[in-house]
Structure formats: C-alpha cells, structure tokens
C-alpha cells in the first residue's frame, strides 16, 4: 500500500524550466528497465528524464550500474536530457513525483511496483510495462498506459503522445490519485 497522507496530489514542486519531465524511480538493477526508459527518450524530443534511485547524490554516477546507464544515454544521444539523481530521502519523494509530467516504469519483471503507485497517489499518470503487479495497479487508458516490455520505441512513442496532451494527462492523473487512495491506501491494505 501507499501512505495516502504523504503521497497526495497537492503541493506540486516547481520545475527548473518549462520542458516536459518524466521520472523513473527504484532500485538500480537491470530488471527495472531503466535502460529502456533512457533509450525511449530518443522518441521524446525536448523532454528530460530523471532517474531516482541508487546511491545518494553524485555517487550514483560512480555506481557500476549508474555508469552503464550514463553510457546508454550517451549511446542513445540523450545524455544531455537524462539525469541520475541518486537516492533521495523518503520524505522528499512526493515532491519529486509531483515535479514530473509522467512517471515511466519499464521493468520486464515486477511482482508489485510501489514507485508507480506512489506517483499515482500524487496525481501523476503512469506509463508502465504490462508485467506483474503493474497490470493491476495501472489501468490502461484510465490511470495511465501500459506498453510491451523491452520496447523502447513503443515506450517512447507513448510518452511523447501523452506529453503532447495535457488534458488527457490531467484526467489520467486524477483517476490515478483516486485509484491509489481508494484501493491501495495503507488503511485499505
């Protein structure tokens, strides 16, 4: 479940600039699909991607998997739009989610997936791969969109389409917050 008192849609964080922002978060391990999210940015011109997780702060760039992700970003030609944030304190996560236009999560295996649910509780629509618990938490076309795993082009095209439609994102985000609150709050769980 999710702490529905902390993870709320209110109090959006200010963006550093006005370019679209996607966020992806979790442990920095290959099965979480961060590589695919970064590759997908090739199909999302102008948007930035924040990767939250791993060692804190600058140490994430020295982490072996962090280095690999930076290499993927360079190879994909999107290194200037991908930022490895590293781990952040748990109490700061709601502000990070709310600073994004979309939460993108692309694992090829995921038993449940807490970070997309936290983003949903913050009113952020989710683009997720249709695997494991994500097919229950993310309702395709209602709280976000589901895509095939290991398909960066399909993922990128879906993200680009949603970023171009603020009205749809607003509707998806409202439905996401409602679903997180009514079905996955700690009280309900």
N, C-alpha and C. Protein backbone atom coordinates (compact mmCIF):
# COMPACT_ATOMS: atom_id res chain seq x y z
N UNK A 1 0.82 -1.19 0.00
CA UNK A 1 0.00 0.00 0.00
C UNK A 1 0.86 1.25 0.00
N UNK A 2 0.18 2.37 -0.01
CA UNK A 2 0.85 3.67 -0.08
C UNK A 2 0.32 4.58 1.03
N UNK A 3 1.18 5.40 1.58
CA UNK A 3 0.81 6.36 2.61
C UNK A 3 0.02 7.49 1.96
N UNK A 4 -1.30 7.40 2.04
CA UNK A 4 -2.15 8.37 1.35
C UNK A 4 -2.21 9.72 2.06
N UNK A 5 -1.57 9.83 3.22
CA UNK A 5 -1.46 11.15 3.87
C UNK A 5 -0.24 11.90 3.36
N UNK A 6 0.79 11.17 2.97
CA UNK A 6 2.03 11.79 2.48
C UNK A 6 2.03 11.93 0.96
N UNK A 7 1.61 10.90 0.26
CA UNK A 7 1.62 10.90 -1.20
C UNK A 7 0.27 11.41 -1.69
N UNK A 8 0.22 12.73 -1.93
CA UNK A 8 -1.02 13.41 -2.32
C UNK A 8 -0.74 14.29 -3.53
N UNK A 9 -1.78 14.63 -4.30
CA UNK A 9 -1.57 15.47 -5.49
C UNK A 9 -1.24 16.92 -5.17
N UNK A 10 -1.49 17.38 -3.97
CA UNK A 10 -1.28 18.78 -3.61
C UNK A 10 0.20 19.10 -3.44
N UNK A 11 0.56 20.33 -3.75
CA UNK A 11 1.91 20.80 -3.50
C UNK A 11 2.91 20.44 -4.57
N UNK A 12 2.57 20.68 -5.81
CA UNK A 12 3.48 20.36 -6.91
C UNK A 12 4.80 21.11 -6.75
N UNK A 13 5.89 20.42 -7.00
CA UNK A 13 7.21 21.04 -6.93
C UNK A 13 7.44 21.89 -8.17
N UNK A 14 8.17 22.95 -8.00
CA UNK A 14 8.48 23.84 -9.13
C UNK A 14 9.52 23.20 -10.04
N UNK A 15 9.32 23.34 -11.32
CA UNK A 15 10.28 22.84 -12.29
C UNK A 15 11.38 23.87 -12.52
N UNK A 16 12.57 23.37 -12.82
CA UNK A 16 13.69 24.28 -13.09
C UNK A 16 13.46 25.04 -14.39
N UNK A 17 12.77 24.43 -15.34
CA UNK A 17 12.43 25.08 -16.60
C UNK A 17 11.10 24.52 -17.06
N UNK A 18 10.68 24.92 -18.24
CA UNK A 18 9.35 24.50 -18.67
C UNK A 18 9.34 23.29 -19.60
N UNK A 19 10.46 22.60 -19.74
CA UNK A 19 10.44 21.44 -20.63
C UNK A 19 9.76 20.26 -19.92
N UNK A 20 9.13 19.39 -20.69
CA UNK A 20 8.45 18.24 -20.10
C UNK A 20 9.42 17.37 -19.32
N UNK A 21 8.91 16.79 -18.22
CA UNK A 21 9.74 15.95 -17.36
C UNK A 21 9.08 14.60 -17.12
N UNK A 22 9.86 13.56 -17.33
CA UNK A 22 9.43 12.23 -16.91
C UNK A 22 10.36 11.78 -15.79
N UNK A 23 9.80 11.00 -14.90
CA UNK A 23 10.58 10.48 -13.79
C UNK A 23 10.45 8.97 -13.78
N UNK A 24 11.52 8.32 -13.41
CA UNK A 24 11.52 6.88 -13.19
C UNK A 24 12.28 6.66 -11.90
N UNK A 25 11.84 5.72 -11.09
CA UNK A 25 12.43 5.57 -9.76
C UNK A 25 12.44 4.11 -9.33
N UNK A 26 13.43 3.79 -8.52
CA UNK A 26 13.52 2.45 -7.96
C UNK A 26 14.96 2.04 -7.74
N UNK A 27 15.14 0.79 -7.34
CA UNK A 27 16.49 0.26 -7.18
C UNK A 27 17.16 0.18 -8.54
N UNK A 28 18.43 0.51 -8.59
CA UNK A 28 19.17 0.47 -9.86
C UNK A 28 19.63 -0.95 -10.13
N UNK A 29 18.72 -1.72 -10.70
CA UNK A 29 19.03 -3.09 -11.11
C UNK A 29 18.49 -3.29 -12.53
N UNK A 30 19.12 -4.15 -13.32
CA UNK A 30 18.71 -4.29 -14.73
C UNK A 30 17.23 -4.61 -14.94
N UNK A 31 16.63 -5.47 -14.13
CA UNK A 31 15.24 -5.88 -14.39
C UNK A 31 14.23 -4.75 -14.27
N UNK A 32 14.65 -3.61 -13.70
CA UNK A 32 13.74 -2.46 -13.58
C UNK A 32 13.57 -1.71 -14.90
N UNK A 33 14.40 -2.02 -15.90
CA UNK A 33 14.22 -1.45 -17.23
C UNK A 33 14.63 0.00 -17.41
N UNK A 34 15.48 0.52 -16.54
CA UNK A 34 15.92 1.91 -16.68
C UNK A 34 16.58 2.14 -18.04
N UNK A 35 17.28 1.12 -18.54
CA UNK A 35 17.93 1.24 -19.85
C UNK A 35 16.90 1.54 -20.93
N UNK A 36 15.75 0.85 -20.87
CA UNK A 36 14.71 1.06 -21.87
C UNK A 36 14.08 2.43 -21.75
N UNK A 37 13.92 2.92 -20.51
CA UNK A 37 13.37 4.27 -20.32
C UNK A 37 14.31 5.29 -20.95
N UNK A 38 15.61 5.13 -20.71
CA UNK A 38 16.59 6.06 -21.26
C UNK A 38 16.61 5.98 -22.79
N UNK A 39 16.60 4.77 -23.34
CA UNK A 39 16.57 4.63 -24.81
C UNK A 39 15.30 5.23 -25.40
N UNK A 40 14.20 5.13 -24.67
CA UNK A 40 12.92 5.66 -25.15
C UNK A 40 12.95 7.17 -25.33
N UNK A 41 13.84 7.84 -24.62
CA UNK A 41 13.92 9.30 -24.71
C UNK A 41 14.31 9.77 -26.12
N UNK A 42 14.84 8.88 -26.93
CA UNK A 42 15.14 9.24 -28.33
C UNK A 42 13.87 9.64 -29.08
N UNK A 43 12.74 9.09 -28.67
CA UNK A 43 11.45 9.35 -29.34
C UNK A 43 10.66 10.45 -28.62
N UNK A 44 11.30 11.10 -27.63
CA UNK A 44 10.64 12.14 -26.86
C UNK A 44 11.51 13.40 -26.87
N UNK A 45 11.60 14.07 -28.01
CA UNK A 45 12.49 15.23 -28.11
C UNK A 45 12.10 16.34 -27.15
N UNK A 46 13.12 16.94 -26.56
CA UNK A 46 12.89 18.09 -25.69
C UNK A 46 12.56 17.77 -24.25
N UNK A 47 12.19 16.54 -23.95
CA UNK A 47 11.83 16.18 -22.57
C UNK A 47 13.07 15.72 -21.80
N UNK A 48 13.03 15.95 -20.50
CA UNK A 48 14.10 15.45 -19.65
C UNK A 48 13.62 14.22 -18.88
N UNK A 49 14.56 13.40 -18.49
CA UNK A 49 14.26 12.17 -17.75
C UNK A 49 15.11 12.16 -16.48
N UNK A 50 14.44 12.06 -15.34
CA UNK A 50 15.12 11.94 -14.06
C UNK A 50 15.05 10.50 -13.59
N UNK A 51 16.19 9.94 -13.24
CA UNK A 51 16.27 8.59 -12.70
C UNK A 51 16.58 8.72 -11.22
N UNK A 52 15.61 8.37 -10.37
CA UNK A 52 15.78 8.50 -8.93
C UNK A 52 15.99 7.10 -8.35
N UNK A 53 17.12 6.93 -7.68
CA UNK A 53 17.44 5.65 -7.05
C UNK A 53 18.92 5.37 -7.11
N UNK A 54 19.34 4.37 -6.37
CA UNK A 54 20.75 4.02 -6.32
C UNK A 54 21.44 4.73 -5.18
N UNK A 55 22.76 4.83 -5.24
CA UNK A 55 23.49 5.56 -4.20
C UNK A 55 23.08 7.02 -4.19
N UNK A 56 23.23 7.70 -3.06
CA UNK A 56 22.81 9.11 -2.98
C UNK A 56 23.71 10.04 -3.79
N UNK A 57 23.08 11.10 -4.30
CA UNK A 57 23.78 12.20 -4.96
C UNK A 57 24.73 11.81 -6.07
N UNK A 58 25.89 12.44 -6.06
CA UNK A 58 26.87 12.23 -7.14
C UNK A 58 27.43 10.82 -7.17
N UNK A 59 27.34 10.10 -6.06
CA UNK A 59 27.88 8.74 -6.01
C UNK A 59 27.18 7.83 -7.01
N UNK A 60 25.97 8.17 -7.43
CA UNK A 60 25.25 7.32 -8.38
C UNK A 60 26.00 7.24 -9.71
N UNK A 61 26.69 8.29 -10.08
CA UNK A 61 27.44 8.29 -11.35
C UNK A 61 28.68 7.39 -11.26
N UNK A 62 29.10 7.01 -10.05
CA UNK A 62 30.24 6.11 -9.88
C UNK A 62 29.80 4.67 -9.65
N UNK A 63 28.53 4.46 -9.43
CA UNK A 63 27.98 3.12 -9.27
C UNK A 63 28.13 2.37 -10.58
N UNK A 64 28.50 1.08 -10.56
CA UNK A 64 28.67 0.34 -11.82
C UNK A 64 27.44 0.39 -12.73
N UNK A 65 26.25 0.21 -12.16
CA UNK A 65 25.06 0.26 -13.00
C UNK A 65 24.75 1.70 -13.41
N UNK A 66 25.02 2.65 -12.53
CA UNK A 66 24.85 4.06 -12.88
C UNK A 66 25.72 4.43 -14.07
N UNK A 67 26.96 3.97 -14.06
CA UNK A 67 27.87 4.23 -15.18
C UNK A 67 27.30 3.62 -16.46
N UNK A 68 26.75 2.43 -16.33
CA UNK A 68 26.15 1.77 -17.51
C UNK A 68 24.99 2.59 -18.06
N UNK A 69 24.16 3.11 -17.16
CA UNK A 69 23.02 3.93 -17.62
C UNK A 69 23.49 5.20 -18.31
N UNK A 70 24.53 5.81 -17.79
CA UNK A 70 25.07 7.01 -18.44
C UNK A 70 25.62 6.68 -19.82
N UNK A 71 26.22 5.51 -19.96
CA UNK A 71 26.72 5.07 -21.27
C UNK A 71 25.55 4.83 -22.24
N UNK A 72 24.48 4.23 -21.75
CA UNK A 72 23.28 4.02 -22.58
C UNK A 72 22.76 5.38 -23.06
N UNK A 73 22.72 6.36 -22.15
CA UNK A 73 22.24 7.70 -22.52
C UNK A 73 23.14 8.33 -23.58
N UNK A 74 24.45 8.20 -23.42
CA UNK A 74 25.38 8.74 -24.42
C UNK A 74 25.17 8.06 -25.78
N UNK A 75 25.09 6.76 -25.75
CA UNK A 75 24.92 6.00 -27.00
C UNK A 75 23.61 6.34 -27.69
N UNK A 76 22.56 6.60 -26.91
CA UNK A 76 21.25 6.95 -27.47
C UNK A 76 21.17 8.42 -27.88
N UNK A 77 22.18 9.21 -27.55
CA UNK A 77 22.18 10.62 -27.91
C UNK A 77 21.29 11.48 -27.04
N UNK A 78 21.02 11.03 -25.80
CA UNK A 78 20.12 11.78 -24.92
C UNK A 78 20.79 12.14 -23.59
N UNK A 79 22.10 12.03 -23.52
CA UNK A 79 22.82 12.27 -22.25
C UNK A 79 22.55 13.66 -21.69
N UNK A 80 22.30 14.64 -22.56
CA UNK A 80 22.04 15.99 -22.08
C UNK A 80 20.64 16.15 -21.49
N UNK A 81 19.79 15.13 -21.63
CA UNK A 81 18.42 15.20 -21.12
C UNK A 81 18.11 14.14 -20.07
N UNK A 82 19.13 13.37 -19.67
CA UNK A 82 18.95 12.32 -18.66
C UNK A 82 19.80 12.69 -17.45
N UNK A 83 19.17 12.67 -16.28
CA UNK A 83 19.91 13.00 -15.05
C UNK A 83 19.71 11.89 -14.03
N UNK A 84 20.82 11.34 -13.56
CA UNK A 84 20.78 10.36 -12.47
C UNK A 84 20.79 11.15 -11.17
N UNK A 85 19.68 11.15 -10.47
CA UNK A 85 19.52 11.93 -9.25
C UNK A 85 20.14 11.20 -8.07
N UNK A 86 20.10 9.88 -8.08
CA UNK A 86 20.53 9.09 -6.94
C UNK A 86 19.40 8.94 -5.95
N UNK A 87 19.72 8.31 -4.83
CA UNK A 87 18.72 8.13 -3.78
C UNK A 87 18.38 9.48 -3.15
N UNK A 88 17.13 9.64 -2.81
CA UNK A 88 16.69 10.84 -2.09
C UNK A 88 15.96 10.37 -0.83
N UNK A 89 15.92 11.21 0.20
CA UNK A 89 15.18 10.82 1.41
C UNK A 89 13.73 10.50 1.09
N UNK A 90 13.20 9.49 1.75
CA UNK A 90 11.83 9.02 1.50
C UNK A 90 10.81 10.15 1.59
N UNK A 91 11.01 11.05 2.55
CA UNK A 91 10.04 12.13 2.75
C UNK A 91 10.04 13.13 1.60
N UNK A 92 11.07 13.12 0.76
CA UNK A 92 11.13 14.03 -0.38
C UNK A 92 10.52 13.44 -1.66
N UNK A 93 10.24 12.16 -1.66
CA UNK A 93 9.74 11.53 -2.88
C UNK A 93 8.45 12.13 -3.41
N UNK A 94 7.46 12.48 -2.57
CA UNK A 94 6.25 13.08 -3.14
C UNK A 94 6.54 14.32 -4.00
N UNK A 95 7.44 15.17 -3.55
CA UNK A 95 7.77 16.38 -4.33
C UNK A 95 8.44 16.00 -5.65
N UNK A 96 9.29 14.97 -5.64
CA UNK A 96 9.92 14.53 -6.89
C UNK A 96 8.87 14.02 -7.86
N UNK A 97 7.94 13.19 -7.37
CA UNK A 97 6.88 12.69 -8.27
C UNK A 97 6.07 13.85 -8.84
N UNK A 98 5.66 14.78 -7.96
CA UNK A 98 4.81 15.88 -8.41
C UNK A 98 5.53 16.84 -9.34
N UNK A 99 6.85 16.79 -9.39
CA UNK A 99 7.58 17.66 -10.31
C UNK A 99 7.54 17.14 -11.75
N UNK A 100 7.01 15.93 -11.93
CA UNK A 100 7.04 15.28 -13.24
C UNK A 100 5.68 15.36 -13.94
N UNK A 101 5.74 15.34 -15.26
CA UNK A 101 4.52 15.25 -16.07
C UNK A 101 4.04 13.81 -16.16
N UNK A 102 4.98 12.88 -16.12
CA UNK A 102 4.67 11.45 -16.21
C UNK A 102 5.65 10.64 -15.38
N UNK A 103 5.15 9.56 -14.82
CA UNK A 103 6.01 8.53 -14.22
C UNK A 103 6.14 7.44 -15.26
N UNK A 104 7.36 7.02 -15.53
CA UNK A 104 7.60 5.96 -16.51
C UNK A 104 8.33 4.82 -15.81
N UNK A 105 7.78 3.64 -15.91
CA UNK A 105 8.40 2.47 -15.29
C UNK A 105 8.35 1.33 -16.30
N UNK A 106 9.51 0.73 -16.56
CA UNK A 106 9.59 -0.23 -17.67
C UNK A 106 10.27 -1.55 -17.29
N UNK A 107 9.92 -2.14 -16.15
CA UNK A 107 10.55 -3.41 -15.81
C UNK A 107 10.08 -4.53 -16.73
N UNK A 108 10.89 -5.57 -16.84
CA UNK A 108 10.41 -6.75 -17.55
C UNK A 108 9.94 -7.80 -16.56
N UNK A 109 10.15 -7.54 -15.25
CA UNK A 109 9.62 -8.39 -14.19
C UNK A 109 9.35 -7.48 -13.01
N UNK A 110 8.15 -7.52 -12.46
CA UNK A 110 7.80 -6.67 -11.32
C UNK A 110 6.65 -7.31 -10.56
N UNK A 111 6.93 -7.88 -9.37
CA UNK A 111 5.86 -8.50 -8.61
C UNK A 111 4.76 -7.52 -8.20
N UNK A 112 5.13 -6.29 -7.81
CA UNK A 112 4.11 -5.32 -7.42
C UNK A 112 4.37 -3.95 -8.02
N UNK A 113 5.41 -3.25 -7.62
CA UNK A 113 5.73 -1.93 -8.15
C UNK A 113 5.20 -0.82 -7.29
N UNK A 114 5.93 -0.46 -6.23
CA UNK A 114 5.48 0.59 -5.32
C UNK A 114 5.67 2.00 -5.88
N UNK A 115 6.76 2.26 -6.59
CA UNK A 115 7.01 3.63 -7.05
C UNK A 115 5.93 4.13 -8.02
N UNK A 116 5.43 3.32 -8.95
CA UNK A 116 4.34 3.82 -9.79
C UNK A 116 3.08 4.14 -8.97
N UNK A 117 2.83 3.32 -7.96
CA UNK A 117 1.66 3.56 -7.11
C UNK A 117 1.82 4.85 -6.32
N UNK A 118 3.02 5.12 -5.82
CA UNK A 118 3.25 6.38 -5.11
C UNK A 118 3.05 7.57 -6.04
N UNK A 119 3.54 7.47 -7.26
CA UNK A 119 3.34 8.55 -8.24
C UNK A 119 1.85 8.73 -8.53
N UNK A 120 1.13 7.64 -8.68
CA UNK A 120 -0.32 7.72 -8.91
C UNK A 120 -0.99 8.46 -7.76
N UNK A 121 -0.61 8.15 -6.52
CA UNK A 121 -1.20 8.80 -5.36
C UNK A 121 -0.93 10.30 -5.38
N UNK A 122 0.16 10.71 -6.03
CA UNK A 122 0.50 12.13 -6.17
C UNK A 122 -0.20 12.77 -7.38
N UNK A 123 -1.04 12.01 -8.06
CA UNK A 123 -1.78 12.55 -9.20
C UNK A 123 -0.99 12.56 -10.49
N UNK A 124 0.04 11.74 -10.56
CA UNK A 124 0.88 11.67 -11.75
C UNK A 124 0.50 10.43 -12.56
N UNK A 125 0.13 10.59 -13.83
CA UNK A 125 -0.18 9.41 -14.65
C UNK A 125 1.07 8.58 -14.88
N UNK A 126 0.86 7.29 -15.11
CA UNK A 126 1.96 6.34 -15.23
C UNK A 126 1.95 5.66 -16.59
N UNK A 127 3.11 5.59 -17.21
CA UNK A 127 3.31 4.73 -18.37
C UNK A 127 4.15 3.57 -17.86
N UNK A 128 3.62 2.36 -17.98
CA UNK A 128 4.28 1.19 -17.40
C UNK A 128 4.23 0.02 -18.37
N UNK A 129 5.19 -0.87 -18.20
CA UNK A 129 5.15 -2.11 -18.97
C UNK A 129 4.08 -3.01 -18.37
N UNK A 130 3.42 -3.76 -19.22
CA UNK A 130 2.33 -4.64 -18.80
C UNK A 130 2.90 -5.94 -18.26
N UNK A 131 3.44 -5.87 -17.05
CA UNK A 131 4.03 -7.04 -16.40
C UNK A 131 3.61 -7.08 -14.94
N UNK A 132 3.52 -8.27 -14.39
CA UNK A 132 3.31 -8.49 -12.96
C UNK A 132 2.21 -7.64 -12.37
N UNK A 133 2.50 -7.07 -11.20
CA UNK A 133 1.52 -6.28 -10.46
C UNK A 133 1.13 -4.98 -11.14
N UNK A 134 1.92 -4.53 -12.12
CA UNK A 134 1.59 -3.28 -12.80
C UNK A 134 0.31 -3.38 -13.60
N UNK A 135 -0.06 -4.57 -14.05
CA UNK A 135 -1.31 -4.71 -14.80
C UNK A 135 -2.53 -4.58 -13.89
N UNK A 136 -2.31 -4.63 -12.58
CA UNK A 136 -3.40 -4.41 -11.64
C UNK A 136 -3.44 -2.96 -11.18
N UNK A 137 -2.29 -2.39 -10.85
CA UNK A 137 -2.28 -1.03 -10.31
C UNK A 137 -2.53 0.02 -11.38
N UNK A 138 -1.96 -0.14 -12.56
CA UNK A 138 -2.13 0.82 -13.65
C UNK A 138 -3.23 0.31 -14.57
N UNK A 139 -4.33 1.04 -14.64
CA UNK A 139 -5.43 0.65 -15.52
C UNK A 139 -5.22 1.34 -16.86
N UNK A 140 -4.97 0.54 -17.89
CA UNK A 140 -4.65 1.06 -19.21
C UNK A 140 -5.76 1.98 -19.72
N UNK A 141 -5.38 3.20 -20.07
CA UNK A 141 -6.33 4.18 -20.59
C UNK A 141 -7.13 4.90 -19.53
N UNK A 142 -6.95 4.54 -18.25
CA UNK A 142 -7.70 5.17 -17.17
C UNK A 142 -6.78 5.91 -16.20
N UNK A 143 -5.74 5.23 -15.72
CA UNK A 143 -4.79 5.86 -14.78
C UNK A 143 -3.42 6.08 -15.43
N UNK A 144 -3.29 5.61 -16.64
CA UNK A 144 -2.04 5.69 -17.37
C UNK A 144 -2.13 4.80 -18.59
N UNK A 145 -0.98 4.37 -19.09
CA UNK A 145 -0.98 3.48 -20.24
C UNK A 145 0.02 2.36 -20.01
N UNK A 146 -0.36 1.18 -20.49
CA UNK A 146 0.50 0.01 -20.43
C UNK A 146 1.11 -0.24 -21.80
N UNK A 147 2.39 -0.62 -21.81
CA UNK A 147 3.10 -0.90 -23.05
C UNK A 147 3.81 -2.24 -22.92
N UNK A 148 4.27 -2.76 -24.04
CA UNK A 148 5.02 -4.02 -24.02
C UNK A 148 6.37 -3.81 -23.35
N UNK A 149 6.85 -4.82 -22.62
CA UNK A 149 8.20 -4.70 -22.05
C UNK A 149 9.26 -4.79 -23.13
N UNK A 150 10.41 -4.20 -22.84
CA UNK A 150 11.59 -4.24 -23.71
C UNK A 150 11.33 -3.69 -25.11
N UNK A 151 10.56 -2.61 -25.17
CA UNK A 151 10.23 -1.96 -26.43
C UNK A 151 10.43 -0.45 -26.29
N UNK A 152 11.69 0.01 -26.32
CA UNK A 152 11.94 1.45 -26.12
C UNK A 152 11.20 2.35 -27.11
N UNK A 153 11.07 1.94 -28.36
CA UNK A 153 10.38 2.77 -29.34
C UNK A 153 8.90 2.91 -28.98
N UNK A 154 8.26 1.80 -28.65
CA UNK A 154 6.85 1.85 -28.26
C UNK A 154 6.65 2.68 -27.00
N UNK A 155 7.55 2.51 -26.05
CA UNK A 155 7.51 3.28 -24.81
C UNK A 155 7.68 4.77 -25.11
N UNK A 156 8.68 5.10 -25.90
CA UNK A 156 8.93 6.50 -26.24
C UNK A 156 7.79 7.15 -26.99
N UNK A 157 7.20 6.43 -27.93
CA UNK A 157 6.07 6.98 -28.67
C UNK A 157 4.86 7.24 -27.77
N UNK A 158 4.63 6.33 -26.81
CA UNK A 158 3.53 6.52 -25.86
C UNK A 158 3.79 7.73 -24.97
N UNK A 159 5.00 7.86 -24.47
CA UNK A 159 5.36 9.01 -23.63
C UNK A 159 5.21 10.31 -24.43
N UNK A 160 5.72 10.34 -25.65
CA UNK A 160 5.63 11.55 -26.47
C UNK A 160 4.16 11.95 -26.70
N UNK A 161 3.33 10.97 -27.01
CA UNK A 161 1.91 11.24 -27.26
C UNK A 161 1.23 11.82 -26.02
N UNK A 162 1.53 11.26 -24.84
CA UNK A 162 0.90 11.76 -23.62
C UNK A 162 1.43 13.13 -23.22
N UNK A 163 2.71 13.37 -23.43
CA UNK A 163 3.25 14.69 -23.11
C UNK A 163 2.63 15.78 -23.98
N UNK A 164 2.20 15.41 -25.16
CA UNK A 164 1.58 16.37 -26.09
C UNK A 164 0.10 16.62 -25.77
N UNK A 165 -0.45 15.92 -24.78
CA UNK A 165 -1.88 16.02 -24.47
C UNK A 165 -2.09 16.31 -22.97
N UNK A 166 -1.92 17.58 -22.56
CA UNK A 166 -2.06 17.90 -21.13
C UNK A 166 -3.43 17.59 -20.54
N UNK A 167 -4.47 17.75 -21.32
CA UNK A 167 -5.82 17.44 -20.83
C UNK A 167 -5.96 15.98 -20.47
N UNK A 168 -5.44 15.13 -21.33
CA UNK A 168 -5.51 13.68 -21.06
C UNK A 168 -4.67 13.33 -19.84
N UNK A 169 -3.49 13.93 -19.73
CA UNK A 169 -2.65 13.67 -18.55
C UNK A 169 -3.37 14.08 -17.27
N UNK A 170 -4.06 15.20 -17.31
CA UNK A 170 -4.80 15.66 -16.14
C UNK A 170 -5.88 14.65 -15.75
N UNK A 171 -6.63 14.14 -16.74
CA UNK A 171 -7.67 13.15 -16.45
C UNK A 171 -7.07 11.85 -15.91
N UNK A 172 -5.99 11.40 -16.55
CA UNK A 172 -5.33 10.17 -16.08
C UNK A 172 -4.79 10.35 -14.67
N UNK A 173 -4.19 11.50 -14.40
CA UNK A 173 -3.63 11.76 -13.08
C UNK A 173 -4.70 11.79 -11.99
N UNK A 174 -5.84 12.40 -12.29
CA UNK A 174 -6.94 12.43 -11.32
C UNK A 174 -7.45 11.02 -11.04
N UNK A 175 -7.61 10.22 -12.08
CA UNK A 175 -8.06 8.84 -11.90
C UNK A 175 -7.00 8.02 -11.16
N UNK A 176 -5.73 8.31 -11.42
CA UNK A 176 -4.64 7.58 -10.74
C UNK A 176 -4.67 7.87 -9.25
N UNK A 177 -4.82 9.14 -8.88
CA UNK A 177 -4.86 9.50 -7.46
C UNK A 177 -6.06 8.85 -6.78
N UNK A 178 -7.20 8.86 -7.44
CA UNK A 178 -8.39 8.23 -6.88
C UNK A 178 -8.19 6.73 -6.68
N UNK A 179 -7.62 6.05 -7.66
CA UNK A 179 -7.40 4.61 -7.55
C UNK A 179 -6.41 4.28 -6.43
N UNK A 180 -5.33 5.05 -6.34
CA UNK A 180 -4.35 4.81 -5.29
C UNK A 180 -4.97 4.99 -3.91
N UNK A 181 -5.77 6.03 -3.76
CA UNK A 181 -6.39 6.33 -2.46
C UNK A 181 -7.44 5.29 -2.09
N UNK A 182 -8.28 4.90 -3.03
CA UNK A 182 -9.40 4.01 -2.69
C UNK A 182 -9.02 2.53 -2.65
N UNK A 183 -7.98 2.13 -3.38
CA UNK A 183 -7.65 0.69 -3.45
C UNK A 183 -6.34 0.32 -2.80
N UNK A 184 -5.43 1.28 -2.63
CA UNK A 184 -4.09 0.92 -2.17
C UNK A 184 -3.59 1.74 -0.99
N UNK A 185 -4.47 2.46 -0.29
CA UNK A 185 -4.03 3.20 0.89
C UNK A 185 -3.61 2.21 1.98
N UNK A 186 -2.77 2.68 2.90
CA UNK A 186 -2.37 1.81 4.00
C UNK A 186 -3.59 1.31 4.75
N UNK A 187 -4.58 2.20 4.95
CA UNK A 187 -5.80 1.82 5.66
C UNK A 187 -6.49 0.66 4.95
N UNK A 188 -6.62 0.77 3.65
CA UNK A 188 -7.27 -0.28 2.86
C UNK A 188 -6.44 -1.57 2.86
N UNK A 189 -5.12 -1.42 2.72
CA UNK A 189 -4.24 -2.59 2.70
C UNK A 189 -4.25 -3.29 4.04
